[in-house]
């Protein structure tokens, strides 16, 4: 009698565990930018944009601003001199005849830039400070006219803001036919009460 063959059970590989699911990587939070601060407010301080270029030394600033005031004046100061009848100042409108007729500073003399060299001596006293103006900040006509007076050896200043700011601040505007009008002051240029800004 023969013994039945014994068969070994087949070996099976142990089941591999499923890998645990991984969490998606979290994005790095964006850096926060501190909000600008104002005087008296609380919050983080930031570097000054104003001081990115340091202010000039006091002596440099003094010379710079003194030089500007020596060649510039503004409409409020000119109006004060004209209203008080201050001597030694002549205001010159350097624009065209059409511009003058449309409206000009009451009390000004009309002398277009191209005619300054030939007519200044006949119209303006030699010892007067000449104040020139053109249309406004977007026009350099007053600077061209001031240069012409300077070439003649005349003391001269530019009225910054020009005719535009004269009218916007409510000062008297005269037309070619002699009519005079006052606009209500633009609150972005002068107190709406009409009182001088005293600056």
N, C-alpha and C. Protein backbone atom coordinates (compact mmCIF):
# COMPACT_ATOMS: atom_id res chain seq x y z
N UNK A 1 0.87 -1.18 0.00
CA UNK A 1 0.00 0.00 0.00
C UNK A 1 0.90 1.22 0.00
N UNK A 2 0.60 2.06 -0.90
CA UNK A 2 1.42 3.29 -0.99
C UNK A 2 0.76 4.41 -0.24
N UNK A 3 1.59 5.29 0.33
CA UNK A 3 1.06 6.44 1.06
C UNK A 3 0.72 7.55 0.07
N UNK A 4 -0.40 8.19 0.28
CA UNK A 4 -0.71 9.33 -0.61
C UNK A 4 0.30 10.44 -0.42
N UNK A 5 0.61 11.09 -1.58
CA UNK A 5 1.57 12.19 -1.50
C UNK A 5 0.94 13.35 -0.73
N UNK A 6 1.78 13.94 0.09
CA UNK A 6 1.35 15.11 0.86
C UNK A 6 1.72 16.36 0.05
N UNK A 7 0.77 17.19 -0.18
CA UNK A 7 1.04 18.44 -0.93
C UNK A 7 1.14 19.57 0.06
N UNK A 8 2.16 20.38 -0.18
CA UNK A 8 2.33 21.55 0.67
C UNK A 8 1.37 22.64 0.22
N UNK A 9 0.78 23.29 1.17
CA UNK A 9 -0.11 24.40 0.78
C UNK A 9 0.68 25.49 0.11
N UNK A 10 0.05 26.10 -0.93
CA UNK A 10 0.73 27.20 -1.67
C UNK A 10 0.95 28.38 -0.74
N UNK A 11 2.13 28.98 -0.85
CA UNK A 11 2.46 30.14 -0.02
C UNK A 11 1.92 31.40 -0.70
N UNK A 12 1.23 32.15 0.01
CA UNK A 12 0.67 33.42 -0.54
C UNK A 12 1.41 34.59 0.09
N UNK A 13 1.63 35.61 -0.78
CA UNK A 13 2.29 36.83 -0.28
C UNK A 13 1.33 37.54 0.67
N UNK A 14 1.87 38.04 1.77
CA UNK A 14 0.99 38.78 2.68
C UNK A 14 0.46 40.04 2.00
N UNK A 15 -0.78 40.37 2.23
CA UNK A 15 -1.39 41.55 1.61
C UNK A 15 -0.69 42.80 2.08
N UNK A 16 -0.35 43.70 1.12
CA UNK A 16 0.29 44.97 1.44
C UNK A 16 -0.76 45.97 1.87
N UNK A 17 -0.48 46.63 2.94
CA UNK A 17 -1.44 47.64 3.41
C UNK A 17 -1.48 48.81 2.43
N UNK A 18 -2.67 49.32 2.20
CA UNK A 18 -2.82 50.50 1.34
C UNK A 18 -2.14 51.69 2.00
N UNK A 19 -1.37 52.50 1.22
CA UNK A 19 -0.72 53.68 1.85
C UNK A 19 -1.77 54.66 2.35
N UNK A 20 -1.47 55.23 3.49
CA UNK A 20 -2.41 56.21 4.07
C UNK A 20 -2.48 57.42 3.15
N UNK A 21 -3.66 57.93 2.94
CA UNK A 21 -3.79 59.13 2.08
C UNK A 21 -3.01 60.30 2.67
N UNK A 22 -2.34 61.03 1.80
CA UNK A 22 -1.56 62.18 2.27
C UNK A 22 -2.36 63.46 2.10
N UNK A 23 -2.16 64.39 3.04
CA UNK A 23 -2.87 65.67 2.96
C UNK A 23 -2.14 66.56 1.96
N UNK A 24 -2.91 67.30 1.18
CA UNK A 24 -2.24 68.21 0.23
C UNK A 24 -1.43 69.25 0.99
N UNK A 25 -0.28 69.61 0.40
CA UNK A 25 0.59 70.61 1.05
C UNK A 25 -0.15 71.94 1.14
N UNK A 26 -0.03 72.56 2.28
CA UNK A 26 -0.68 73.87 2.49
C UNK A 26 0.21 74.96 1.91
N UNK A 27 -0.42 75.90 1.17
CA UNK A 27 0.34 77.02 0.61
C UNK A 27 0.81 77.93 1.73
N UNK A 28 1.99 78.50 1.52
CA UNK A 28 2.51 79.44 2.51
C UNK A 28 1.64 80.69 2.51
N UNK A 29 1.27 81.17 3.69
CA UNK A 29 0.45 82.39 3.71
C UNK A 29 1.22 83.56 3.13
N UNK A 30 0.48 84.44 2.38
CA UNK A 30 1.11 85.62 1.79
C UNK A 30 1.55 86.56 2.88
N UNK A 31 2.71 87.19 2.68
CA UNK A 31 3.17 88.13 3.72
C UNK A 31 2.21 89.30 3.83
N UNK A 32 2.01 89.77 5.00
CA UNK A 32 1.11 90.90 5.22
C UNK A 32 1.89 92.20 5.14
N UNK A 33 1.29 93.20 4.51
CA UNK A 33 1.91 94.51 4.37
C UNK A 33 1.24 95.44 5.37
N UNK A 34 1.99 96.01 6.27
CA UNK A 34 1.37 96.90 7.25
C UNK A 34 0.76 98.12 6.59
N UNK A 35 -0.38 98.54 7.09
CA UNK A 35 -1.04 99.72 6.56
C UNK A 35 -0.29 100.96 6.99
N UNK A 36 -0.30 102.02 6.15
CA UNK A 36 0.35 103.26 6.55
C UNK A 36 -0.29 103.82 7.82
N UNK A 37 0.51 104.49 8.59
CA UNK A 37 0.00 105.09 9.81
C UNK A 37 -0.07 106.60 9.65
N UNK A 38 -0.89 107.22 10.43
CA UNK A 38 -1.02 108.67 10.43
C UNK A 38 -0.70 109.16 11.82
N UNK A 39 -0.31 110.42 11.94
CA UNK A 39 0.02 110.93 13.27
C UNK A 39 -1.12 110.70 14.26
N UNK A 40 -0.79 110.18 15.42
CA UNK A 40 -1.81 109.95 16.45
C UNK A 40 -2.45 108.59 16.36
N UNK A 41 -2.26 107.88 15.23
CA UNK A 41 -2.88 106.57 15.09
C UNK A 41 -1.96 105.50 15.67
N UNK A 42 -2.56 104.37 16.07
CA UNK A 42 -1.76 103.26 16.57
C UNK A 42 -1.62 102.22 15.48
N UNK A 43 -0.51 101.53 15.46
CA UNK A 43 -0.31 100.51 14.44
C UNK A 43 1.17 100.39 14.14
N UNK A 44 1.52 99.42 13.31
CA UNK A 44 2.93 99.20 13.02
C UNK A 44 3.52 100.36 12.22
N UNK A 45 4.75 100.72 12.50
CA UNK A 45 5.41 101.79 11.79
C UNK A 45 6.00 101.25 10.49
N UNK A 46 6.06 102.07 9.47
CA UNK A 46 6.67 101.68 8.22
C UNK A 46 7.70 102.73 7.84
N UNK A 47 8.57 102.38 6.90
CA UNK A 47 9.58 103.33 6.45
C UNK A 47 8.92 104.50 5.73
N UNK A 48 9.52 105.67 5.86
CA UNK A 48 8.95 106.89 5.27
C UNK A 48 9.28 107.00 3.79
N UNK A 49 8.24 107.19 2.98
CA UNK A 49 8.45 107.46 1.57
C UNK A 49 8.99 108.87 1.39
N UNK A 50 8.48 109.80 2.20
CA UNK A 50 8.94 111.20 2.14
C UNK A 50 10.45 111.27 2.36
N UNK A 51 10.94 110.51 3.33
CA UNK A 51 12.35 110.57 3.69
C UNK A 51 13.23 109.59 2.92
N UNK A 52 12.67 108.96 1.88
CA UNK A 52 13.50 108.09 1.06
C UNK A 52 14.67 108.88 0.47
N UNK A 53 14.38 110.15 0.12
CA UNK A 53 15.45 111.10 -0.21
C UNK A 53 15.50 112.08 0.94
N UNK A 54 16.58 112.12 1.68
CA UNK A 54 16.63 112.98 2.87
C UNK A 54 16.44 114.45 2.52
N UNK A 55 15.85 115.20 3.45
CA UNK A 55 15.67 116.63 3.26
C UNK A 55 17.03 117.32 3.15
N UNK A 56 17.04 118.41 2.41
CA UNK A 56 18.28 119.16 2.22
C UNK A 56 18.73 119.77 3.54
N UNK A 57 20.00 120.05 3.62
CA UNK A 57 20.53 120.76 4.78
C UNK A 57 19.86 122.12 4.87
N UNK A 58 19.76 122.64 6.09
CA UNK A 58 19.02 123.88 6.31
C UNK A 58 19.55 125.02 5.45
N UNK A 59 20.85 125.13 5.29
CA UNK A 59 21.40 126.22 4.50
C UNK A 59 21.06 126.08 3.02
N UNK A 60 21.04 124.83 2.53
CA UNK A 60 20.66 124.59 1.13
C UNK A 60 19.19 124.95 0.93
N UNK A 61 18.34 124.53 1.87
CA UNK A 61 16.92 124.84 1.77
C UNK A 61 16.68 126.35 1.83
N UNK A 62 17.40 127.03 2.71
CA UNK A 62 17.22 128.47 2.84
C UNK A 62 17.53 129.18 1.53
N UNK A 63 18.65 128.83 0.91
CA UNK A 63 19.03 129.47 -0.34
C UNK A 63 18.02 129.15 -1.45
N UNK A 64 17.56 127.89 -1.49
CA UNK A 64 16.62 127.47 -2.53
C UNK A 64 15.30 128.26 -2.44
N UNK A 65 14.71 128.28 -1.25
CA UNK A 65 13.40 128.93 -1.13
C UNK A 65 13.50 130.45 -1.21
N UNK A 66 14.60 131.01 -0.72
CA UNK A 66 14.79 132.45 -0.87
C UNK A 66 14.91 132.82 -2.35
N UNK A 67 15.61 131.98 -3.11
CA UNK A 67 15.76 132.24 -4.54
C UNK A 67 14.41 132.16 -5.26
N UNK A 68 13.59 131.20 -4.87
CA UNK A 68 12.27 131.10 -5.51
C UNK A 68 11.41 132.32 -5.20
N UNK A 69 11.42 132.76 -3.95
CA UNK A 69 10.61 133.92 -3.59
C UNK A 69 11.11 135.20 -4.26
N UNK A 70 12.37 135.20 -4.66
CA UNK A 70 12.91 136.37 -5.34
C UNK A 70 12.43 136.48 -6.78
N UNK A 71 11.94 135.39 -7.35
CA UNK A 71 11.49 135.41 -8.75
C UNK A 71 10.03 135.02 -8.91
N UNK A 72 9.33 134.73 -7.81
CA UNK A 72 7.92 134.33 -7.88
C UNK A 72 7.09 135.09 -6.85
N UNK A 73 5.83 135.29 -7.20
CA UNK A 73 4.84 135.77 -6.25
C UNK A 73 3.55 135.05 -6.59
N UNK A 74 2.51 135.19 -5.76
CA UNK A 74 1.27 134.49 -6.08
C UNK A 74 0.13 135.47 -6.27
N UNK A 75 -1.02 134.95 -6.70
CA UNK A 75 -2.13 135.83 -7.04
C UNK A 75 -2.66 136.57 -5.82
N UNK A 76 -2.62 135.95 -4.66
CA UNK A 76 -3.12 136.61 -3.45
C UNK A 76 -2.27 137.83 -3.10
N UNK A 77 -0.95 137.70 -3.20
CA UNK A 77 -0.07 138.83 -2.91
C UNK A 77 -0.23 139.94 -3.93
N UNK A 78 -0.38 139.56 -5.20
CA UNK A 78 -0.58 140.57 -6.24
C UNK A 78 -1.90 141.31 -6.01
N UNK A 79 -2.94 140.57 -5.68
CA UNK A 79 -4.24 141.20 -5.43
C UNK A 79 -4.17 142.16 -4.25
N UNK A 80 -3.43 141.79 -3.22
CA UNK A 80 -3.28 142.66 -2.06
C UNK A 80 -2.59 143.97 -2.44
N UNK A 81 -1.54 143.89 -3.26
CA UNK A 81 -0.83 145.10 -3.68
C UNK A 81 -1.71 145.98 -4.56
N UNK A 82 -2.44 145.37 -5.49
CA UNK A 82 -3.31 146.17 -6.36
C UNK A 82 -4.44 146.82 -5.57
N UNK A 83 -5.00 146.10 -4.61
CA UNK A 83 -6.10 146.64 -3.82
C UNK A 83 -5.64 147.80 -2.93
N UNK A 84 -4.41 147.72 -2.45
CA UNK A 84 -3.91 148.76 -1.55
C UNK A 84 -3.25 149.91 -2.29
N UNK A 85 -3.06 149.76 -3.60
CA UNK A 85 -2.39 150.79 -4.37
C UNK A 85 -0.91 150.87 -4.09
N UNK A 86 -0.31 149.75 -3.70
CA UNK A 86 1.12 149.73 -3.39
C UNK A 86 1.93 150.24 -4.58
N UNK A 87 2.92 151.06 -4.30
CA UNK A 87 3.74 151.63 -5.37
C UNK A 87 4.89 150.68 -5.72
N UNK A 88 5.45 150.89 -6.90
CA UNK A 88 6.64 150.14 -7.28
C UNK A 88 6.38 148.77 -7.87
N UNK A 89 5.12 148.45 -8.18
CA UNK A 89 4.78 147.15 -8.78
C UNK A 89 3.89 147.38 -9.98
N UNK A 90 4.24 146.78 -11.11
CA UNK A 90 3.43 146.85 -12.32
C UNK A 90 3.14 145.42 -12.77
N UNK A 91 1.85 145.10 -12.91
CA UNK A 91 1.43 143.76 -13.33
C UNK A 91 1.26 143.78 -14.85
N UNK A 92 1.86 142.80 -15.52
CA UNK A 92 1.85 142.76 -16.98
C UNK A 92 1.21 141.47 -17.47
N UNK A 93 0.18 141.62 -18.29
CA UNK A 93 -0.44 140.48 -18.97
C UNK A 93 0.32 140.29 -20.27
N UNK A 94 0.94 139.11 -20.43
CA UNK A 94 1.83 138.87 -21.56
C UNK A 94 1.15 138.07 -22.69
N UNK A 95 -0.17 137.91 -22.63
CA UNK A 95 -0.88 137.08 -23.59
C UNK A 95 -1.28 137.88 -24.84
N UNK A 96 -1.99 137.22 -25.72
CA UNK A 96 -2.42 137.84 -26.97
C UNK A 96 -3.54 138.86 -26.73
N UNK A 97 -3.84 139.65 -27.78
CA UNK A 97 -4.92 140.64 -27.68
C UNK A 97 -6.26 139.95 -27.46
N UNK A 98 -6.46 138.79 -28.08
CA UNK A 98 -7.73 138.07 -27.90
C UNK A 98 -7.87 137.57 -26.46
N UNK A 99 -6.79 137.09 -25.89
CA UNK A 99 -6.83 136.63 -24.51
C UNK A 99 -7.11 137.78 -23.55
N UNK A 100 -6.45 138.91 -23.77
CA UNK A 100 -6.67 140.10 -22.96
C UNK A 100 -8.13 140.54 -23.00
N UNK A 101 -8.71 140.54 -24.20
CA UNK A 101 -10.10 140.98 -24.36
C UNK A 101 -11.06 140.03 -23.66
N UNK A 102 -10.73 138.75 -23.65
CA UNK A 102 -11.60 137.76 -23.01
C UNK A 102 -11.65 137.95 -21.51
N UNK A 103 -10.55 138.36 -20.92
CA UNK A 103 -10.51 138.61 -19.48
C UNK A 103 -9.08 138.72 -19.00
N UNK A 104 -8.84 139.68 -18.09
CA UNK A 104 -7.49 139.89 -17.59
C UNK A 104 -7.55 140.41 -16.16
N UNK A 105 -6.40 140.47 -15.51
CA UNK A 105 -6.30 141.01 -14.16
C UNK A 105 -6.64 142.50 -14.20
N UNK A 106 -7.60 142.88 -13.39
CA UNK A 106 -7.95 144.30 -13.35
C UNK A 106 -6.75 145.09 -12.79
N UNK A 107 -6.34 146.08 -13.52
CA UNK A 107 -5.19 146.88 -13.11
C UNK A 107 -3.90 146.51 -13.80
N UNK A 108 -3.94 145.47 -14.65
CA UNK A 108 -2.73 145.03 -15.36
C UNK A 108 -2.49 145.88 -16.60
N UNK A 109 -1.27 145.83 -17.09
CA UNK A 109 -0.88 146.43 -18.36
C UNK A 109 -0.76 145.31 -19.39
N UNK A 110 -1.24 145.58 -20.61
CA UNK A 110 -1.14 144.54 -21.64
C UNK A 110 0.13 144.75 -22.47
N UNK A 111 1.01 143.75 -22.42
CA UNK A 111 2.25 143.81 -23.19
C UNK A 111 2.65 142.39 -23.58
N UNK A 112 2.27 141.94 -24.77
CA UNK A 112 2.62 140.58 -25.19
C UNK A 112 4.13 140.36 -25.21
N UNK A 113 4.52 139.14 -24.97
CA UNK A 113 5.94 138.80 -24.85
C UNK A 113 6.76 139.28 -26.04
N UNK A 114 6.25 139.11 -27.24
CA UNK A 114 7.00 139.48 -28.43
C UNK A 114 7.26 140.98 -28.52
N UNK A 115 6.51 141.79 -27.76
CA UNK A 115 6.65 143.24 -27.84
C UNK A 115 7.41 143.84 -26.65
N UNK A 116 7.85 143.01 -25.71
CA UNK A 116 8.49 143.52 -24.49
C UNK A 116 9.75 144.32 -24.81
N UNK A 117 10.62 143.77 -25.62
CA UNK A 117 11.90 144.43 -25.90
C UNK A 117 11.70 145.81 -26.50
N UNK A 118 10.69 145.96 -27.35
CA UNK A 118 10.49 147.23 -28.04
C UNK A 118 9.63 148.25 -27.32
N UNK A 119 8.77 147.80 -26.37
CA UNK A 119 7.80 148.72 -25.78
C UNK A 119 7.90 148.86 -24.26
N UNK A 120 8.71 148.06 -23.60
CA UNK A 120 8.75 148.09 -22.14
C UNK A 120 9.11 149.47 -21.61
N UNK A 121 10.08 150.13 -22.19
CA UNK A 121 10.53 151.42 -21.67
C UNK A 121 9.42 152.47 -21.75
N UNK A 122 8.57 152.37 -22.74
CA UNK A 122 7.50 153.36 -22.91
C UNK A 122 6.33 153.11 -21.95
N UNK A 123 6.17 151.89 -21.49
CA UNK A 123 5.00 151.54 -20.69
C UNK A 123 5.27 151.37 -19.20
N UNK A 124 6.49 151.01 -18.84
CA UNK A 124 6.75 150.59 -17.47
C UNK A 124 7.93 151.36 -16.88
N UNK A 125 7.76 152.00 -15.73
CA UNK A 125 8.87 152.73 -15.11
C UNK A 125 10.07 151.82 -14.87
N UNK A 126 11.25 152.35 -15.03
CA UNK A 126 12.46 151.55 -14.91
C UNK A 126 12.65 150.99 -13.51
N UNK A 127 12.18 151.70 -12.48
CA UNK A 127 12.43 151.25 -11.11
C UNK A 127 11.33 150.34 -10.57
N UNK A 128 10.34 150.02 -11.38
CA UNK A 128 9.22 149.19 -10.91
C UNK A 128 9.58 147.70 -10.97
N UNK A 129 9.06 146.94 -10.01
CA UNK A 129 9.15 145.48 -10.09
C UNK A 129 8.03 145.01 -11.01
N UNK A 130 8.40 144.32 -12.05
CA UNK A 130 7.43 143.83 -13.03
C UNK A 130 6.92 142.46 -12.58
N UNK A 131 5.61 142.28 -12.57
CA UNK A 131 5.00 140.97 -12.27
C UNK A 131 4.30 140.49 -13.53
N UNK A 132 4.78 139.43 -14.11
CA UNK A 132 4.23 138.93 -15.37
C UNK A 132 3.34 137.72 -15.12
N UNK A 133 2.33 137.57 -15.98
CA UNK A 133 1.51 136.36 -15.91
C UNK A 133 1.06 135.97 -17.31
N UNK A 134 0.73 134.69 -17.45
CA UNK A 134 0.16 134.16 -18.67
C UNK A 134 -1.11 133.39 -18.27
N UNK A 135 -1.44 132.32 -18.98
CA UNK A 135 -2.72 131.65 -18.71
C UNK A 135 -2.77 130.92 -17.37
N UNK A 136 -1.79 130.06 -17.09
CA UNK A 136 -1.89 129.27 -15.86
C UNK A 136 -0.71 128.35 -15.69
N UNK A 137 -0.82 127.40 -14.74
CA UNK A 137 0.29 126.50 -14.43
C UNK A 137 0.75 125.65 -15.61
N UNK A 138 -0.16 125.39 -16.54
CA UNK A 138 0.22 124.55 -17.69
C UNK A 138 0.87 125.33 -18.81
N UNK A 139 1.15 126.61 -18.59
CA UNK A 139 1.71 127.47 -19.63
C UNK A 139 3.01 128.09 -19.12
N UNK A 140 4.04 128.10 -19.95
CA UNK A 140 5.30 128.71 -19.53
C UNK A 140 5.51 130.09 -20.17
N UNK A 141 4.43 130.66 -20.66
CA UNK A 141 4.52 131.97 -21.29
C UNK A 141 5.03 133.05 -20.34
N UNK A 142 4.64 132.98 -19.08
CA UNK A 142 5.09 133.99 -18.11
C UNK A 142 6.60 133.89 -17.90
N UNK A 143 7.13 132.68 -17.93
CA UNK A 143 8.58 132.51 -17.75
C UNK A 143 9.34 133.07 -18.95
N UNK A 144 8.79 132.90 -20.15
CA UNK A 144 9.41 133.49 -21.34
C UNK A 144 9.39 135.02 -21.25
N UNK A 145 8.26 135.55 -20.79
CA UNK A 145 8.16 137.00 -20.66
C UNK A 145 9.11 137.52 -19.58
N UNK A 146 9.19 136.81 -18.46
CA UNK A 146 10.10 137.22 -17.39
C UNK A 146 11.54 137.25 -17.88
N UNK A 147 11.89 136.29 -18.71
CA UNK A 147 13.25 136.26 -19.27
C UNK A 147 13.50 137.49 -20.12
N UNK A 148 12.50 137.92 -20.89
CA UNK A 148 12.66 139.12 -21.72
C UNK A 148 12.91 140.36 -20.86
N UNK A 149 12.15 140.48 -19.77
CA UNK A 149 12.37 141.62 -18.87
C UNK A 149 13.74 141.55 -18.21
N UNK A 150 14.15 140.35 -17.82
CA UNK A 150 15.46 140.19 -17.19
C UNK A 150 16.58 140.58 -18.16
N UNK A 151 16.42 140.27 -19.43
CA UNK A 151 17.41 140.66 -20.44
C UNK A 151 17.55 142.17 -20.53
N UNK A 152 16.46 142.89 -20.22
CA UNK A 152 16.48 144.35 -20.24
C UNK A 152 17.02 144.93 -18.93
N UNK A 153 17.37 144.05 -18.00
CA UNK A 153 17.87 144.51 -16.71
C UNK A 153 16.78 144.92 -15.75
N UNK A 154 15.55 144.49 -16.00
CA UNK A 154 14.42 144.86 -15.16
C UNK A 154 14.21 143.86 -14.03
N UNK A 155 13.89 144.34 -12.81
CA UNK A 155 13.50 143.41 -11.74
C UNK A 155 12.15 142.81 -12.10
N UNK A 156 12.03 141.49 -12.03
CA UNK A 156 10.82 140.83 -12.51
C UNK A 156 10.49 139.61 -11.68
N UNK A 157 9.20 139.36 -11.52
CA UNK A 157 8.71 138.15 -10.86
C UNK A 157 7.57 137.55 -11.69
N UNK A 158 7.44 136.25 -11.58
CA UNK A 158 6.31 135.54 -12.22
C UNK A 158 5.18 135.40 -11.21
N UNK A 159 3.96 135.68 -11.64
CA UNK A 159 2.78 135.42 -10.79
C UNK A 159 2.38 133.96 -11.01
N UNK A 160 2.76 133.10 -10.07
CA UNK A 160 2.48 131.67 -10.25
C UNK A 160 0.96 131.43 -10.18
N UNK A 161 0.51 130.48 -10.97
CA UNK A 161 -0.92 130.23 -11.08
C UNK A 161 -1.54 130.95 -12.26
N UNK A 162 -0.94 132.09 -12.63
CA UNK A 162 -1.40 132.83 -13.80
C UNK A 162 -2.83 133.32 -13.71
N UNK A 163 -3.37 133.67 -14.88
CA UNK A 163 -4.73 134.21 -14.93
C UNK A 163 -5.74 133.18 -14.41
N UNK A 164 -5.48 131.90 -14.65
CA UNK A 164 -6.42 130.86 -14.19
C UNK A 164 -6.67 130.97 -12.69
N UNK A 165 -5.59 131.03 -11.91
CA UNK A 165 -5.77 131.05 -10.45
C UNK A 165 -6.23 132.42 -9.96
N UNK A 166 -5.92 133.47 -10.71
CA UNK A 166 -6.49 134.78 -10.37
C UNK A 166 -8.01 134.70 -10.41
N UNK A 167 -8.54 134.14 -11.49
CA UNK A 167 -9.99 134.02 -11.64
C UNK A 167 -10.58 133.02 -10.66
N UNK A 168 -9.90 131.88 -10.46
CA UNK A 168 -10.44 130.83 -9.59
C UNK A 168 -10.50 131.27 -8.13
N UNK A 169 -9.62 132.18 -7.73
CA UNK A 169 -9.64 132.65 -6.35
C UNK A 169 -10.61 133.81 -6.14
N UNK A 170 -11.32 134.19 -7.20
CA UNK A 170 -12.38 135.18 -7.04
C UNK A 170 -11.95 136.63 -7.15
N UNK A 171 -10.76 136.89 -7.67
CA UNK A 171 -10.30 138.27 -7.81
C UNK A 171 -10.92 138.90 -9.06
N UNK A 172 -10.97 140.24 -9.12
CA UNK A 172 -11.69 140.90 -10.21
C UNK A 172 -11.07 140.66 -11.59
N UNK A 173 -11.93 140.26 -12.51
CA UNK A 173 -11.54 140.01 -13.90
C UNK A 173 -12.21 141.06 -14.77
N UNK A 174 -11.41 141.75 -15.56
CA UNK A 174 -11.91 142.79 -16.44
C UNK A 174 -11.83 142.31 -17.88
N UNK A 175 -12.84 142.60 -18.68
CA UNK A 175 -12.82 142.22 -20.08
C UNK A 175 -12.37 143.40 -20.93
N UNK A 176 -12.23 143.16 -22.22
CA UNK A 176 -11.75 144.21 -23.11
C UNK A 176 -12.66 145.41 -23.19
N UNK A 177 -13.95 145.24 -22.94
CA UNK A 177 -14.87 146.38 -23.00
C UNK A 177 -15.04 147.08 -21.66
N UNK A 178 -14.24 146.68 -20.67
CA UNK A 178 -14.25 147.36 -19.37
C UNK A 178 -15.17 146.77 -18.32
N UNK A 179 -15.92 145.72 -18.67
CA UNK A 179 -16.80 145.08 -17.68
C UNK A 179 -15.94 144.31 -16.68
N UNK A 180 -16.37 144.33 -15.41
CA UNK A 180 -15.62 143.65 -14.34
C UNK A 180 -16.51 142.59 -13.70
N UNK A 181 -15.97 141.41 -13.51
CA UNK A 181 -16.73 140.32 -12.90
C UNK A 181 -15.89 139.65 -11.83
N UNK A 182 -16.59 139.04 -10.87
CA UNK A 182 -15.94 138.25 -9.81
C UNK A 182 -16.56 136.86 -9.83
N UNK A 183 -15.76 135.84 -9.89
CA UNK A 183 -16.24 134.47 -9.71
C UNK A 183 -16.31 134.16 -8.23
N UNK A 184 -17.15 133.19 -7.88
CA UNK A 184 -17.11 132.68 -6.51
C UNK A 184 -15.80 131.91 -6.34
N UNK A 185 -15.09 132.10 -5.23
CA UNK A 185 -13.80 131.42 -5.07
C UNK A 185 -13.95 129.90 -5.14
N UNK A 186 -13.05 129.27 -5.84
CA UNK A 186 -12.98 127.82 -5.90
C UNK A 186 -12.45 127.34 -4.55
N UNK A 187 -13.21 126.50 -3.81
CA UNK A 187 -12.75 126.07 -2.49
C UNK A 187 -11.47 125.25 -2.51
N UNK A 188 -11.03 124.80 -3.68
CA UNK A 188 -9.76 124.09 -3.77
C UNK A 188 -8.58 125.05 -3.90
N UNK A 189 -8.87 126.34 -4.05
CA UNK A 189 -7.77 127.31 -4.22
C UNK A 189 -7.78 128.41 -3.17
N UNK A 190 -8.93 128.65 -2.54
CA UNK A 190 -9.03 129.76 -1.58
C UNK A 190 -10.24 129.53 -0.69
N UNK A 191 -10.29 130.17 0.49
CA UNK A 191 -11.47 130.03 1.33
C UNK A 191 -12.72 130.52 0.60
N UNK A 192 -13.79 129.77 0.69
CA UNK A 192 -15.02 130.13 -0.02
C UNK A 192 -15.65 131.40 0.52
N UNK A 193 -15.21 131.84 1.71
CA UNK A 193 -15.71 133.09 2.28
C UNK A 193 -15.16 134.31 1.56
N UNK A 194 -14.10 134.09 0.76
CA UNK A 194 -13.48 135.22 0.10
C UNK A 194 -12.41 135.87 0.93
N UNK A 195 -12.24 135.44 2.19
CA UNK A 195 -11.20 135.98 3.04
C UNK A 195 -9.85 135.44 2.57
N UNK A 196 -8.83 136.28 2.58
CA UNK A 196 -7.51 135.85 2.13
C UNK A 196 -7.03 134.66 2.97
N UNK A 197 -6.27 133.80 2.33
CA UNK A 197 -5.78 132.59 3.02
C UNK A 197 -4.70 132.90 4.04
N UNK A 198 -4.12 134.10 3.99
CA UNK A 198 -3.11 134.55 4.97
C UNK A 198 -1.89 133.63 4.99
N UNK A 199 -1.55 133.06 3.84
CA UNK A 199 -0.38 132.19 3.79
C UNK A 199 0.85 132.94 3.34
